[in-house]
Every structure is written in structure tokens, then in C-alpha cells.
Amino acid sequence: MEEIIKEIKAGKNDWNCYKVGLKDGNIVIKDETGYIDFPEEIIDNLIRGIDDTRRRLRELERSPTNNR
């Protein structure tokens, strides 16, 4: 990875670390198994998809029929 911008710890006791950065003009997410690179237009679609999913999750949590 050419430049690490952010490290994100996740999992139980923060056992996994995701590194987000830039490589060859693409945004890259790396963990201990390797990395995935995304062209910028794919990142835009991922962000929209995550935002839509979070919005839906909030709708479900506010629903009066929520049985959680």
C-alpha cells in the first residue's frame, strides 16, 4: 500500500485491523488476508449503499412492530 490514510480496528478485542489508503490511484482496503482496490466511482456506489442500508436499519429500529 502506498499511503495509509486510516486504520480501523474491528472485531472482538479489536483483533482485526483494516487499513484504508491509496495505491495506484485507487482507494484500497487491506486486512491480514490481502487487499481490495476500488475505483472512485465504485466507492461512491458503496457509500450510497451503506447510507441507504443505515437509513433502512434506523427505520426498522423505529418501527412500532419491531420485536427486537
C-alpha atoms as a PDB file:
ATOM      1  CA  MET A   1       0.000   0.000   0.000  1.00  0.00           C
ATOM      2  CA  GLU A   2       1.476   3.316  -0.985  1.00  0.00           C
ATOM      3  CA  GLU A   3      -0.208   5.557   1.601  1.00  0.00           C
ATOM      4  CA  ILE A   4      -2.273   4.521   4.622  1.00  0.00           C
ATOM      5  CA  ILE A   5      -4.899   7.138   5.452  1.00  0.00           C
ATOM      6  CA  LYS A   6      -6.826   5.408   8.241  1.00  0.00           C
ATOM      7  CA  GLU A   7      -6.571   2.250  10.348  1.00  0.00           C
ATOM      8  CA  ILE A   8      -9.862   0.821  11.572  1.00  0.00           C
ATOM      9  CA  LYS A   9      -9.870  -1.779  14.343  1.00  0.00           C
ATOM     10  CA  ALA A  10     -12.785  -4.194  14.428  1.00  0.00           C
ATOM     11  CA  GLY A  11     -13.885  -7.486  15.880  1.00  0.00           C
ATOM     12  CA  LYS A  12     -13.754  -8.824  19.398  1.00  0.00           C
ATOM     13  CA  ASN A  13     -10.999  -7.055  21.322  1.00  0.00           C
ATOM     14  CA  ASP A  14     -10.099  -5.182  18.108  1.00  0.00           C
ATOM     15  CA  TRP A  15      -8.383  -8.325  16.792  1.00  0.00           C
ATOM     16  CA  ASN A  16      -8.677  -7.260  13.154  1.00  0.00           C
ATOM     17  CA  CYS A  17      -7.294  -4.100  11.605  1.00  0.00           C
ATOM     18  CA  TYR A  18      -8.389  -2.661   8.279  1.00  0.00           C
ATOM     19  CA  LYS A  19      -6.075  -0.207   6.587  1.00  0.00           C
ATOM     20  CA  VAL A  20      -7.637   2.257   4.174  1.00  0.00           C
ATOM     21  CA  GLY A  21      -5.351   4.056   1.784  1.00  0.00           C
ATOM     22  CA  LEU A  22      -4.272   4.814  -1.742  1.00  0.00           C
ATOM     23  CA  LYS A  23      -2.464   2.588  -4.228  1.00  0.00           C
ATOM     24  CA  ASP A  24      -2.035   3.168  -7.951  1.00  0.00           C
ATOM     25  CA  GLY A  25      -4.722   5.866  -7.975  1.00  0.00           C
ATOM     26  CA  ASN A  26      -7.385   3.690  -6.323  1.00  0.00           C
ATOM     27  CA  ILE A  27      -8.770   3.517  -2.810  1.00  0.00           C
ATOM     28  CA  VAL A  28      -7.583   0.315  -1.148  1.00  0.00           C
ATOM     29  CA  ILE A  29      -8.848  -1.592   1.886  1.00  0.00           C
ATOM     30  CA  LYS A  30      -6.357  -4.076   3.322  1.00  0.00           C
ATOM     31  CA  ASP A  31      -6.503  -6.622   6.114  1.00  0.00           C
ATOM     32  CA  GLU A  32      -4.294  -9.571   7.005  1.00  0.00           C
ATOM     33  CA  THR A  33      -5.574 -11.624   4.054  1.00  0.00           C
ATOM     34  CA  GLY A  34      -4.869  -9.092   1.325  1.00  0.00           C
ATOM     35  CA  TYR A  35      -6.442  -6.028  -0.183  1.00  0.00           C
ATOM     36  CA  ILE A  36      -9.297  -4.887  -2.344  1.00  0.00           C
ATOM     37  CA  ASP A  37      -8.937  -1.844  -4.550  1.00  0.00           C
ATOM     38  CA  PHE A  38     -11.850   0.280  -5.670  1.00  0.00           C
ATOM     39  CA  PRO A  39     -12.045   2.840  -8.455  1.00  0.00           C
ATOM     40  CA  GLU A  40     -13.555   6.119  -7.246  1.00  0.00           C
ATOM     41  CA  GLU A  41     -16.944   5.557  -8.930  1.00  0.00           C
ATOM     42  CA  ILE A  42     -17.323   2.231  -7.106  1.00  0.00           C
ATOM     43  CA  ILE A  43     -16.550   3.966  -3.796  1.00  0.00           C
ATOM     44  CA  ASP A  44     -19.392   6.425  -4.487  1.00  0.00           C
ATOM     45  CA  ASN A  45     -21.766   3.485  -5.032  1.00  0.00           C
ATOM     46  CA  LEU A  46     -20.543   1.755  -1.864  1.00  0.00           C
ATOM     47  CA  ILE A  47     -21.067   4.914   0.202  1.00  0.00           C
ATOM     48  CA  ARG A  48     -24.593   5.334  -1.176  1.00  0.00           C
ATOM     49  CA  GLY A  49     -25.350   1.673  -0.486  1.00  0.00           C
ATOM     50  CA  ILE A  50     -24.081   1.920   3.089  1.00  0.00           C
ATOM     51  CA  ASP A  51     -26.036   5.141   3.686  1.00  0.00           C
ATOM     52  CA  ASP A  52     -29.228   3.576   2.302  1.00  0.00           C
ATOM     53  CA  THR A  53     -28.727   0.471   4.447  1.00  0.00           C
ATOM     54  CA  ARG A  54     -28.102   2.515   7.617  1.00  0.00           C
ATOM     55  CA  ARG A  55     -31.225   4.572   6.870  1.00  0.00           C
ATOM     56  CA  ARG A  56     -33.271   1.373   6.488  1.00  0.00           C
ATOM     57  CA  LEU A  57     -31.850  -0.037   9.725  1.00  0.00           C
ATOM     58  CA  ARG A  58     -32.936   3.141  11.572  1.00  0.00           C
ATOM     59  CA  GLU A  59     -36.412   2.838  10.034  1.00  0.00           C
ATOM     60  CA  LEU A  60     -36.686  -0.746  11.268  1.00  0.00           C
ATOM     61  CA  GLU A  61     -35.489   0.220  14.757  1.00  0.00           C
ATOM     62  CA  ARG A  62     -38.155   2.967  14.971  1.00  0.00           C
ATOM     63  CA  SER A  63     -40.903   0.703  13.689  1.00  0.00           C
ATOM     64  CA  PRO A  64     -43.691   0.099  16.259  1.00  0.00           C
ATOM     65  CA  THR A  65     -43.770  -3.565  15.210  1.00  0.00           C
ATOM     66  CA  ASN A  66     -40.085  -4.040  15.957  1.00  0.00           C
ATOM     67  CA  ASN A  67     -39.768  -7.252  18.002  1.00  0.00           C
ATOM     68  CA  ARG A  68     -36.117  -6.973  18.989  1.00  0.00           C
END
